[in-house]
PDB file of N, CA and C in Angstrom:
ATOM      1  N   MET A   1      67.931 -33.763  23.560  1.00  0.00           N
ATOM      2  CA  MET A   1      68.975 -33.441  23.988  1.00  0.00           C
ATOM      3  C   MET A   1      69.477 -32.352  23.367  1.00  0.00           C
ATOM      4  N   ALA A   2      69.689 -31.181  23.882  1.00  0.00           N
ATOM      5  CA  ALA A   2      70.304 -30.118  23.600  1.00  0.00           C
ATOM      6  C   ALA A   2      71.482 -30.372  22.809  1.00  0.00           C
ATOM      7  N   ARG A   3      71.581 -29.399  21.762  1.00  0.00           N
ATOM      8  CA  ARG A   3      73.068 -29.389  21.199  1.00  0.00           C
ATOM      9  C   ARG A   3      73.358 -28.284  21.219  1.00  0.00           C
ATOM     10  N   ASP A   4      74.528 -27.905  21.876  1.00  0.00           N
ATOM     11  CA  ASP A   4      75.592 -26.990  21.974  1.00  0.00           C
ATOM     12  C   ASP A   4      75.965 -25.942  21.108  1.00  0.00           C
ATOM     13  N   ILE A   5      75.939 -25.056  20.683  1.00  0.00           N
ATOM     14  CA  ILE A   5      76.168 -24.218  19.346  1.00  0.00           C
ATOM     15  C   ILE A   5      76.653 -22.843  20.507  1.00  0.00           C
ATOM     16  N   THR A   6      77.612 -22.143  19.382  1.00  0.00           N
ATOM     17  CA  THR A   6      78.289 -21.551  20.318  1.00  0.00           C
ATOM     18  C   THR A   6      77.478 -19.955  19.886  1.00  0.00           C
ATOM     19  N   GLN A   7      77.949 -18.954  20.398  1.00  0.00           N
ATOM     20  CA  GLN A   7      77.587 -17.321  20.368  1.00  0.00           C
ATOM     21  C   GLN A   7      77.495 -17.107  18.469  1.00  0.00           C
ATOM     22  N   ARG A   8      79.178 -17.343  17.954  1.00  0.00           N
ATOM     23  CA  ARG A   8      79.013 -17.101  16.587  1.00  0.00           C
ATOM     24  C   ARG A   8      78.296 -17.944  15.527  1.00  0.00           C
ATOM     25  N   GLN A   9      77.983 -19.265  16.092  1.00  0.00           N
ATOM     26  CA  GLN A   9      76.774 -20.261  14.835  1.00  0.00           C
ATOM     27  C   GLN A   9      75.937 -19.648  15.062  1.00  0.00           C
ATOM     28  N   LEU A  10      74.889 -19.067  16.730  1.00  0.00           N
ATOM     29  CA  LEU A  10      73.949 -18.960  16.408  1.00  0.00           C
ATOM     30  C   LEU A  10      74.054 -17.250  15.602  1.00  0.00           C
ATOM     31  N   ARG A  11      75.044 -16.893  15.521  1.00  0.00           N
ATOM     32  CA  ARG A  11      74.995 -15.404  14.546  1.00  0.00           C
ATOM     33  C   ARG A  11      74.689 -15.959  12.475  1.00  0.00           C
ATOM     34  N   ASN A  12      75.674 -16.627  12.822  1.00  0.00           N
ATOM     35  CA  ASN A  12      76.353 -16.737  11.492  1.00  0.00           C
ATOM     36  C   ASN A  12      75.047 -18.318  10.785  1.00  0.00           C
ATOM     37  N   ASP A  13      74.402 -18.658  11.656  1.00  0.00           N
ATOM     38  CA  ASP A  13      73.465 -19.821  10.677  1.00  0.00           C
ATOM     39  C   ASP A  13      72.588 -19.749  11.360  1.00  0.00           C
ATOM     40  N   SER A  14      72.018 -18.683  11.556  1.00  0.00           N
ATOM     41  CA  SER A  14      70.579 -18.448  12.681  1.00  0.00           C
ATOM     42  C   SER A  14      69.110 -18.895  11.292  1.00  0.00           C
ATOM     43  N   GLY A  15      69.512 -18.986  10.159  1.00  0.00           N
ATOM     44  CA  GLY A  15      68.596 -19.954   9.361  1.00  0.00           C
ATOM     45  C   GLY A  15      68.223 -20.760   9.370  1.00  0.00           C
ATOM     46  N   GLU A  16      69.570 -21.662  10.241  1.00  0.00           N
ATOM     47  CA  GLU A  16      69.538 -23.341   9.797  1.00  0.00           C
ATOM     48  C   GLU A  16      68.840 -23.468  11.317  1.00  0.00           C
ATOM     49  N   ILE A  17      69.460 -22.703  12.168  1.00  0.00           N
ATOM     50  CA  ILE A  17      68.940 -23.014  13.629  1.00  0.00           C
ATOM     51  C   ILE A  17      66.863 -22.992  14.009  1.00  0.00           C
ATOM     52  N   MET A  18      66.821 -21.780  13.412  1.00  0.00           N
ATOM     53  CA  MET A  18      65.198 -21.580  13.199  1.00  0.00           C
ATOM     54  C   MET A  18      64.212 -22.462  12.207  1.00  0.00           C
ATOM     55  N   ARG A  19      65.428 -23.203  11.674  1.00  0.00           N
ATOM     56  CA  ARG A  19      64.711 -24.370  10.583  1.00  0.00           C
ATOM     57  C   ARG A  19      64.651 -25.556  11.592  1.00  0.00           C
ATOM     58  N   ALA A  20      65.784 -26.231  12.183  1.00  0.00           N
ATOM     59  CA  ALA A  20      66.016 -27.091  13.151  1.00  0.00           C
ATOM     60  C   ALA A  20      64.880 -26.887  14.823  1.00  0.00           C
ATOM     61  N   LEU A  21      64.450 -25.730  14.995  1.00  0.00           N
ATOM     62  CA  LEU A  21      63.703 -25.200  16.093  1.00  0.00           C
ATOM     63  C   LEU A  21      62.381 -25.702  15.311  1.00  0.00           C
ATOM     64  N   ASP A  22      62.039 -25.038  14.157  1.00  0.00           N
ATOM     65  CA  ASP A  22      60.678 -25.468  13.889  1.00  0.00           C
ATOM     66  C   ASP A  22      60.435 -27.244  13.863  1.00  0.00           C
ATOM     67  N   GLN A  23      61.577 -28.016  13.855  1.00  0.00           N
ATOM     68  CA  GLN A  23      61.134 -29.356  13.972  1.00  0.00           C
ATOM     69  C   GLN A  23      61.575 -29.962  15.507  1.00  0.00           C
ATOM     70  N   GLY A  24      61.924 -29.156  16.002  1.00  0.00           N
ATOM     71  CA  GLY A  24      61.312 -29.627  17.581  1.00  0.00           C
ATOM     72  C   GLY A  24      63.097 -29.525  18.303  1.00  0.00           C
ATOM     73  N   GLU A  25      63.914 -29.441  17.639  1.00  0.00           N
ATOM     74  CA  GLU A  25      64.922 -29.451  18.916  1.00  0.00           C
ATOM     75  C   GLU A  25      65.481 -28.138  19.498  1.00  0.00           C
ATOM     76  N   THR A  26      66.008 -28.799  20.256  1.00  0.00           N
ATOM     77  CA  THR A  26      66.658 -27.718  21.318  1.00  0.00           C
ATOM     78  C   THR A  26      68.166 -26.986  21.223  1.00  0.00           C
ATOM     79  N   PHE A  27      68.123 -26.104  21.881  1.00  0.00           N
ATOM     80  CA  PHE A  27      69.903 -25.776  21.325  1.00  0.00           C
ATOM     81  C   PHE A  27      70.495 -25.177  22.986  1.00  0.00           C
ATOM     82  N   VAL A  28      71.642 -24.876  23.184  1.00  0.00           N
ATOM     83  CA  VAL A  28      71.973 -24.422  24.467  1.00  0.00           C
ATOM     84  C   VAL A  28      73.783 -23.510  23.906  1.00  0.00           C
ATOM     85  N   VAL A  29      73.416 -22.228  23.967  1.00  0.00           N
ATOM     86  CA  VAL A  29      74.249 -21.417  23.198  1.00  0.00           C
ATOM     87  C   VAL A  29      74.608 -20.948  24.532  1.00  0.00           C
ATOM     88  N   THR A  30      76.587 -21.303  23.700  1.00  0.00           N
ATOM     89  CA  THR A  30      77.570 -20.797  24.795  1.00  0.00           C
ATOM     90  C   THR A  30      78.000 -19.715  24.322  1.00  0.00           C
ATOM     91  N   ARG A  31      79.208 -19.115  25.349  1.00  0.00           N
ATOM     92  CA  ARG A  31      79.710 -18.508  25.161  1.00  0.00           C
ATOM     93  C   ARG A  31      81.068 -18.542  25.336  1.00  0.00           C
ATOM     94  N   ASN A  32      82.126 -18.742  25.045  1.00  0.00           N
ATOM     95  CA  ASN A  32      83.671 -18.673  25.568  1.00  0.00           C
ATOM     96  C   ASN A  32      83.538 -20.262  26.344  1.00  0.00           C
ATOM     97  N   GLY A  33      82.814 -21.527  25.701  1.00  0.00           N
ATOM     98  CA  GLY A  33      82.536 -22.693  25.982  1.00  0.00           C
ATOM     99  C   GLY A  33      81.538 -22.213  27.298  1.00  0.00           C
ATOM    100  N   VAL A  34      81.330 -21.372  27.881  1.00  0.00           N
ATOM    101  CA  VAL A  34      80.128 -21.426  28.903  1.00  0.00           C
ATOM    102  C   VAL A  34      78.808 -20.932  28.953  1.00  0.00           C
ATOM    103  N   PRO A  35      77.952 -22.642  28.834  1.00  0.00           N
ATOM    104  CA  PRO A  35      76.457 -21.937  28.230  1.00  0.00           C
ATOM    105  C   PRO A  35      75.737 -20.919  29.068  1.00  0.00           C
ATOM    106  N   VAL A  36      75.178 -20.011  28.217  1.00  0.00           N
ATOM    107  CA  VAL A  36      74.647 -18.761  28.958  1.00  0.00           C
ATOM    108  C   VAL A  36      72.860 -18.730  28.274  1.00  0.00           C
ATOM    109  N   GLY A  37      72.388 -19.355  27.660  1.00  0.00           N
ATOM    110  CA  GLY A  37      70.892 -19.812  27.333  1.00  0.00           C
ATOM    111  C   GLY A  37      70.965 -20.706  26.631  1.00  0.00           C
ATOM    112  N   GLU A  38      69.604 -20.711  26.807  1.00  0.00           N
ATOM    113  CA  GLU A  38      68.460 -22.116  26.068  1.00  0.00           C
ATOM    114  C   GLU A  38      67.416 -21.565  24.960  1.00  0.00           C
ATOM    115  N   LEU A  39      67.557 -22.231  23.559  1.00  0.00           N
ATOM    116  CA  LEU A  39      66.749 -21.781  22.943  1.00  0.00           C
ATOM    117  C   LEU A  39      65.764 -23.283  22.726  1.00  0.00           C
ATOM    118  N   THR A  40      64.777 -22.900  22.716  1.00  0.00           N
ATOM    119  CA  THR A  40      63.903 -24.267  22.738  1.00  0.00           C
ATOM    120  C   THR A  40      62.431 -23.994  21.704  1.00  0.00           C
ATOM    121  N   PRO A  41      62.016 -24.905  21.482  1.00  0.00           N
ATOM    122  CA  PRO A  41      60.987 -24.519  19.847  1.00  0.00           C
ATOM    123  C   PRO A  41      59.738 -24.425  21.221  1.00  0.00           C
ATOM    124  N   LEU A  42      58.465 -23.357  20.506  1.00  0.00           N
ATOM    125  CA  LEU A  42      57.532 -22.920  21.680  1.00  0.00           C
ATOM    126  C   LEU A  42      56.270 -24.206  20.800  1.00  0.00           C
ATOM    127  N   ARG A  43      55.423 -24.523  21.882  1.00  0.00           N
ATOM    128  CA  ARG A  43      54.535 -25.334  22.414  1.00  0.00           C
ATOM    129  C   ARG A  43      53.651 -24.490  21.055  1.00  0.00           C
ATOM    130  N   ARG A  44      53.353 -25.604  20.046  1.00  0.00           N
ATOM    131  CA  ARG A  44      52.303 -24.954  19.288  1.00  0.00           C
ATOM    132  C   ARG A  44      50.880 -25.399  19.990  1.00  0.00           C
ATOM    133  N   ARG A  45      49.910 -24.472  19.927  1.00  0.00           N
ATOM    134  CA  ARG A  45      48.740 -24.386  20.689  1.00  0.00           C
ATOM    135  C   ARG A  45      47.539 -25.612  19.955  1.00  0.00           C
ATOM    136  N   ARG A  46      47.093 -26.000  20.202  1.00  0.00           N
ATOM    137  CA  ARG A  46      46.087 -27.001  19.800  1.00  0.00           C
ATOM    138  C   ARG A  46      44.545 -26.708  19.947  1.00  0.00           C
ATOM    139  N   PHE A  47      43.688 -26.587  18.904  1.00  0.00           N
ATOM    140  CA  PHE A  47      42.730 -26.115  18.702  1.00  0.00           C
ATOM    141  C   PHE A  47      41.577 -27.243  19.788  1.00  0.00           C
ATOM    142  N   VAL A  48      41.203 -26.871  20.165  1.00  0.00           N
ATOM    143  CA  VAL A  48      40.005 -27.749  20.796  1.00  0.00           C
ATOM    144  C   VAL A  48      38.787 -27.211  19.957  1.00  0.00           C
ATOM    145  N   PRO A  49      37.685 -27.883  20.212  1.00  0.00           N
ATOM    146  CA  PRO A  49      36.481 -27.901  19.573  1.00  0.00           C
ATOM    147  C   PRO A  49      35.562 -27.459  20.500  1.00  0.00           C
ATOM    148  N   ALA A  50      34.434 -26.682  20.582  1.00  0.00           N
ATOM    149  CA  ALA A  50      33.937 -26.695  21.210  1.00  0.00           C
ATOM    150  C   ALA A  50      32.859 -27.286  22.050  1.00  0.00           C
ATOM    151  N   ASP A  51      32.468 -28.611  20.985  1.00  0.00           N
ATOM    152  CA  ASP A  51      31.285 -29.542  21.914  1.00  0.00           C
ATOM    153  C   ASP A  51      32.832 -30.568  22.944  1.00  0.00           C
ATOM    154  N   ALA A  52      33.969 -30.293  22.598  1.00  0.00           N
ATOM    155  CA  ALA A  52      35.080 -31.576  23.282  1.00  0.00           C
ATOM    156  C   ALA A  52      34.930 -29.883  24.893  1.00  0.00           C
ATOM    157  N   ALA A  53      34.654 -29.405  24.676  1.00  0.00           N
ATOM    158  CA  ALA A  53      35.382 -28.270  25.858  1.00  0.00           C
ATOM    159  C   ALA A  53      34.204 -28.576  27.016  1.00  0.00           C
ATOM    160  N   ILE A  54      33.135 -28.503  26.327  1.00  0.00           N
ATOM    161  CA  ILE A  54      31.564 -28.671  26.627  1.00  0.00           C
ATOM    162  C   ILE A  54      31.126 -29.884  27.444  1.00  0.00           C
ATOM    163  N   ALA A  55      31.951 -30.674  26.725  1.00  0.00           N
ATOM    164  CA  ALA A  55      31.623 -32.123  27.314  1.00  0.00           C
ATOM    165  C   ALA A  55      32.658 -32.477  28.218  1.00  0.00           C
ATOM    166  N   MET A  56      33.892 -31.890  28.407  1.00  0.00           N
ATOM    167  CA  MET A  56      35.079 -31.649  29.565  1.00  0.00           C
ATOM    168  C   MET A  56      34.138 -30.978  30.982  1.00  0.00           C
ATOM    169  N   PHE A  57      33.614 -29.939  30.727  1.00  0.00           N
ATOM    170  CA  PHE A  57      33.074 -29.383  31.618  1.00  0.00           C
ATOM    171  C   PHE A  57      31.707 -29.460  32.294  1.00  0.00           C
ATOM    172  N   ARG A  58      31.104 -30.804  31.536  1.00  0.00           N
ATOM    173  CA  ARG A  58      29.648 -31.012  31.553  1.00  0.00           C
ATOM    174  C   ARG A  58      29.668 -31.449  33.048  1.00  0.00           C
ATOM    175  N   GLY A  59      30.627 -32.069  33.775  1.00  0.00           N
ATOM    176  CA  GLY A  59      30.125 -33.137  34.781  1.00  0.00           C
ATOM    177  C   GLY A  59      30.642 -32.199  36.343  1.00  0.00           C
ATOM    178  N   ALA A  60      31.656 -30.744  35.719  1.00  0.00           N
ATOM    179  CA  ALA A  60      32.047 -29.436  36.502  1.00  0.00           C
ATOM    180  C   ALA A  60      30.790 -28.959  37.547  1.00  0.00           C
ATOM    181  N   PRO A  61      31.094 -28.740  39.211  1.00  0.00           N
ATOM    182  CA  PRO A  61      29.953 -28.484  39.960  1.00  0.00           C
ATOM    183  C   PRO A  61      29.906 -27.147  39.642  1.00  0.00           C
ATOM    184  N   SER A  62      28.389 -26.774  39.596  1.00  0.00           N
ATOM    185  CA  SER A  62      27.802 -25.185  39.880  1.00  0.00           C
ATOM    186  C   SER A  62      28.908 -24.449  40.666  1.00  0.00           C
ATOM    187  N   VAL A  63      28.618 -23.047  39.994  1.00  0.00           N
ATOM    188  CA  VAL A  63      29.652 -21.620  40.971  1.00  0.00           C
ATOM    189  C   VAL A  63      28.244 -21.218  41.556  1.00  0.00           C
ATOM    190  N   GLU A  64      28.205 -21.098  42.689  1.00  0.00           N
ATOM    191  CA  GLU A  64      27.481 -20.297  43.617  1.00  0.00           C
ATOM    192  C   GLU A  64      28.396 -18.781  43.404  1.00  0.00           C
ATOM    193  N   LEU A  65      27.834 -17.471  42.473  1.00  0.00           N
ATOM    194  CA  LEU A  65      28.456 -16.205  42.448  1.00  0.00           C
ATOM    195  C   LEU A  65      28.558 -15.800  43.550  1.00  0.00           C
ATOM    196  N   THR A  66      27.320 -15.662  44.194  1.00  0.00           N
ATOM    197  CA  THR A  66      27.497 -14.834  45.881  1.00  0.00           C
ATOM    198  C   THR A  66      28.690 -15.550  46.923  1.00  0.00           C
ATOM    199  N   LYS A  67      28.875 -16.861  46.673  1.00  0.00           N
ATOM    200  CA  LYS A  67      29.575 -17.355  47.547  1.00  0.00           C
ATOM    201  C   LYS A  67      31.339 -16.687  47.255  1.00  0.00           C
ATOM    202  N   LEU A  68      31.017 -17.230  46.176  1.00  0.00           N
ATOM    203  CA  LEU A  68      32.635 -16.971  45.199  1.00  0.00           C
ATOM    204  C   LEU A  68      33.271 -15.517  45.528  1.00  0.00           C
ATOM    205  N   ARG A  69      31.991 -14.584  45.553  1.00  0.00           N
ATOM    206  CA  ARG A  69      32.203 -13.487  45.427  1.00  0.00           C
ATOM    207  C   ARG A  69      32.910 -13.567  47.372  1.00  0.00           C
ATOM    208  N   ALA A  70      32.004 -13.928  47.929  1.00  0.00           N
ATOM    209  CA  ALA A  70      32.535 -13.483  49.440  1.00  0.00           C
ATOM    210  C   ALA A  70      33.667 -14.410  49.868  1.00  0.00           C
ATOM    211  N   ASP A  71      34.227 -15.450  48.855  1.00  0.00           N
ATOM    212  CA  ASP A  71      35.885 -15.944  49.339  1.00  0.00           C
ATOM    213  C   ASP A  71      36.705 -14.736  48.595  1.00  0.00           C
ATOM    214  N   LEU A  72      36.634 -14.407  47.518  1.00  0.00           N
ATOM    215  CA  LEU A  72      37.373 -13.195  46.965  1.00  0.00           C
ATOM    216  C   LEU A  72      37.807 -12.372  48.049  1.00  0.00           C
ATOM    217  N   ASP A  73      37.013 -11.245  47.927  1.00  0.00           N
ATOM    218  CA  ASP A  73      36.723 -10.496  48.984  1.00  0.00           C
ATOM    219  C   ASP A  73      37.383 -11.123  50.752  1.00  0.00           C
ATOM    220  N   SER A  74      37.452 -12.094  51.142  1.00  0.00           N
ATOM    221  CA  SER A  74      38.151 -12.346  51.898  1.00  0.00           C
ATOM    222  C   SER A  74      39.806 -12.658  51.705  1.00  0.00           C
ATOM    223  N   VAL A  75      39.719 -12.553  50.620  1.00  0.00           N
ATOM    224  CA  VAL A  75      41.225 -13.117  50.691  1.00  0.00           C
ATOM    225  C   VAL A  75      41.906 -11.400  49.981  1.00  0.00           C
ATOM    226  N   ALA A  76      40.952 -10.865  49.056  1.00  0.00           N
ATOM    227  CA  ALA A  76      41.689  -9.773  48.565  1.00  0.00           C
ATOM    228  C   ALA A  76      41.544  -8.489  49.189  1.00  0.00           C
ATOM    229  N   ARG A  77      42.559  -7.551  49.408  1.00  0.00           N
ATOM    230  CA  ARG A  77      41.961  -6.163  49.826  1.00  0.00           C
ATOM    231  C   ARG A  77      41.919  -5.916  48.811  1.00  0.00           C
ATOM    232  N   GLN A  78      40.711  -4.768  48.981  1.00  0.00           N
ATOM    233  CA  GLN A  78      40.603  -3.616  48.251  1.00  0.00           C
ATOM    234  C   GLN A  78      40.971  -2.119  48.252  1.00  0.00           C
ATOM    235  N   ASP A  79      41.438  -1.744  49.781  1.00  0.00           N
ATOM    236  CA  ASP A  79      41.639  -0.816  49.410  1.00  0.00           C
ATOM    237  C   ASP A  79      41.819   0.183  48.698  1.00  0.00           C
ATOM    238  N   PRO A  80      40.980   1.593  47.944  1.00  0.00           N
ATOM    239  CA  PRO A  80      41.448   2.353  47.204  1.00  0.00           C
ATOM    240  C   PRO A  80      42.380   3.460  47.455  1.00  0.00           C
ATOM    241  N   SER A  81      43.285   3.675  48.519  1.00  0.00           N
ATOM    242  CA  SER A  81      43.627   4.011  49.053  1.00  0.00           C
ATOM    243  C   SER A  81      45.106   3.923  48.603  1.00  0.00           C
ATOM    244  N   PRO A  82      46.242   4.618  47.854  1.00  0.00           N
ATOM    245  CA  PRO A  82      47.341   4.827  47.732  1.00  0.00           C
ATOM    246  C   PRO A  82      48.014   4.163  48.829  1.00  0.00           C
ATOM    247  N   ARG A  83      49.359   2.922  48.160  1.00  0.00           N
ATOM    248  CA  ARG A  83      50.128   2.672  49.388  1.00  0.00           C
ATOM    249  C   ARG A  83      51.295   3.464  49.418  1.00  0.00           C
ATOM    250  N   ALA A  84      51.545   3.622  50.682  1.00  0.00           N
ATOM    251  CA  ALA A  84      53.059   4.751  50.960  1.00  0.00           C
ATOM    252  C   ALA A  84      54.406   4.083  50.600  1.00  0.00           C
TER     253      ALA A  84
END
């Protein structure tokens, strides 16, 4: 659940708010009682070992590069002339 904070609280307590964001808390910023924005923590990227990634794709079908290129060429317009 997001916690409402005022624009003034964001300005005056930014350090405390940043620490709370680090802990996963979300904030809705209000101005004159009207919500104007949301602060949410970024997702942290997790490292996936190479062995695990290889295992995930081991069963994937092989890619026929000529067929892939033909499919891409059929949907992508590659006219080098500038658009008006």
